[in-house]
Amino acid sequence: MHKDTVKGSMKDAKGSVKETAGKMTGDDKLRAEGKGDQVAGKVQKGVGNVKEAARDALKH
């Protein structure tokens, strides 16, 4: 597993927590930040997966 995949997963999870906290407190800014973090995390996970696939392809 590539480090970007792990970092992306962590960012996605952090965003989910922020979004939930924003919903519970009625804080639209926190909710939006959470959604943004989730998107950034998903993108970073995708980049990590592509890097891992490229590395695996070069090994074989």
C-alpha atoms as a PDB file:
ATOM      1  CA  MET A   1       0.000   0.000   0.000  1.00  0.00           C
ATOM      2  CA  HIS A   2       1.370   3.370  -1.009  1.00  0.00           C
ATOM      3  CA  LYS A   3       1.748   6.137   1.583  1.00  0.00           C
ATOM      4  CA  ASP A   4      -0.590   8.416  -0.403  1.00  0.00           C
ATOM      5  CA  THR A   5      -3.320   5.793  -0.118  1.00  0.00           C
ATOM      6  CA  VAL A   6      -2.946   5.726   3.661  1.00  0.00           C
ATOM      7  CA  LYS A   7      -2.781   9.509   3.976  1.00  0.00           C
ATOM      8  CA  GLY A   8      -5.821   9.848   1.740  1.00  0.00           C
ATOM      9  CA  SER A   9      -7.789   7.409   3.871  1.00  0.00           C
ATOM     10  CA  MET A  10      -6.886   9.362   6.993  1.00  0.00           C
ATOM     11  CA  LYS A  11      -7.886  12.659   5.379  1.00  0.00           C
ATOM     12  CA  ASP A  12     -11.181  11.135   4.214  1.00  0.00           C
ATOM     13  CA  ALA A  13     -11.929   9.889   7.741  1.00  0.00           C
ATOM     14  CA  LYS A  14     -11.036  13.277   9.254  1.00  0.00           C
ATOM     15  CA  GLY A  15     -13.369  14.943   6.779  1.00  0.00           C
ATOM     16  CA  SER A  16     -16.182  12.600   7.730  1.00  0.00           C
ATOM     17  CA  VAL A  17     -15.746  13.479  11.399  1.00  0.00           C
ATOM     18  CA  LYS A  18     -15.689  17.208  10.598  1.00  0.00           C
ATOM     19  CA  GLU A  19     -18.803  16.928   8.458  1.00  0.00           C
ATOM     20  CA  THR A  20     -20.668  15.039  11.175  1.00  0.00           C
ATOM     21  CA  ALA A  21     -19.588  17.555  13.817  1.00  0.00           C
ATOM     22  CA  GLY A  22     -20.728  20.374  11.557  1.00  0.00           C
ATOM     23  CA  LYS A  23     -24.120  18.735  11.072  1.00  0.00           C
ATOM     24  CA  MET A  24     -24.552  18.173  14.808  1.00  0.00           C
ATOM     25  CA  THR A  25     -23.606  21.726  15.749  1.00  0.00           C
ATOM     26  CA  GLY A  26     -25.241  23.432  12.783  1.00  0.00           C
ATOM     27  CA  ASP A  27     -21.865  24.825  11.653  1.00  0.00           C
ATOM     28  CA  ASP A  28     -22.091  25.044   7.862  1.00  0.00           C
ATOM     29  CA  LYS A  29     -18.440  26.086   7.521  1.00  0.00           C
ATOM     30  CA  LEU A  30     -17.203  23.030   9.419  1.00  0.00           C
ATOM     31  CA  ARG A  31     -19.514  20.820   7.385  1.00  0.00           C
ATOM     32  CA  ALA A  32     -18.145  22.273   4.132  1.00  0.00           C
ATOM     33  CA  GLU A  33     -14.555  21.813   5.338  1.00  0.00           C
ATOM     34  CA  GLY A  34     -15.354  18.206   6.113  1.00  0.00           C
ATOM     35  CA  LYS A  35     -16.750  17.588   2.650  1.00  0.00           C
ATOM     36  CA  GLY A  36     -13.683  19.256   1.138  1.00  0.00           C
ATOM     37  CA  ASP A  37     -11.355  17.073   3.194  1.00  0.00           C
ATOM     38  CA  GLN A  38     -13.267  13.988   2.080  1.00  0.00           C
ATOM     39  CA  VAL A  39     -12.887  14.909  -1.588  1.00  0.00           C
ATOM     40  CA  ALA A  40      -9.188  15.658  -1.119  1.00  0.00           C
ATOM     41  CA  GLY A  41      -8.745  12.338   0.673  1.00  0.00           C
ATOM     42  CA  LYS A  42     -10.464  10.402  -2.100  1.00  0.00           C
ATOM     43  CA  VAL A  43      -8.273  12.099  -4.710  1.00  0.00           C
ATOM     44  CA  GLN A  44      -5.133  11.358  -2.703  1.00  0.00           C
ATOM     45  CA  LYS A  45      -6.196   7.711  -2.328  1.00  0.00           C
ATOM     46  CA  GLY A  46      -6.659   7.528  -6.090  1.00  0.00           C
ATOM     47  CA  VAL A  47      -3.196   8.962  -6.690  1.00  0.00           C
ATOM     48  CA  GLY A  48      -1.722   6.417  -4.302  1.00  0.00           C
ATOM     49  CA  ASN A  49      -3.511   3.584  -6.082  1.00  0.00           C
ATOM     50  CA  VAL A  50      -2.204   4.765  -9.469  1.00  0.00           C
ATOM     51  CA  LYS A  51       1.345   5.024  -8.115  1.00  0.00           C
ATOM     52  CA  GLU A  52       1.081   1.540  -6.628  1.00  0.00           C
ATOM     53  CA  ALA A  53      -0.256   0.099  -9.878  1.00  0.00           C
ATOM     54  CA  ALA A  54       2.562   1.739 -11.831  1.00  0.00           C
ATOM     55  CA  ARG A  55       5.147   0.384  -9.406  1.00  0.00           C
ATOM     56  CA  ASP A  56       3.658  -3.105  -9.654  1.00  0.00           C
ATOM     57  CA  ALA A  57       3.599  -2.907 -13.457  1.00  0.00           C
ATOM     58  CA  LEU A  58       7.276  -1.951 -13.533  1.00  0.00           C
ATOM     59  CA  LYS A  59       8.204  -4.886 -11.268  1.00  0.00           C
ATOM     60  CA  HIS A  60       6.673  -7.442 -13.614  1.00  0.00           C
END
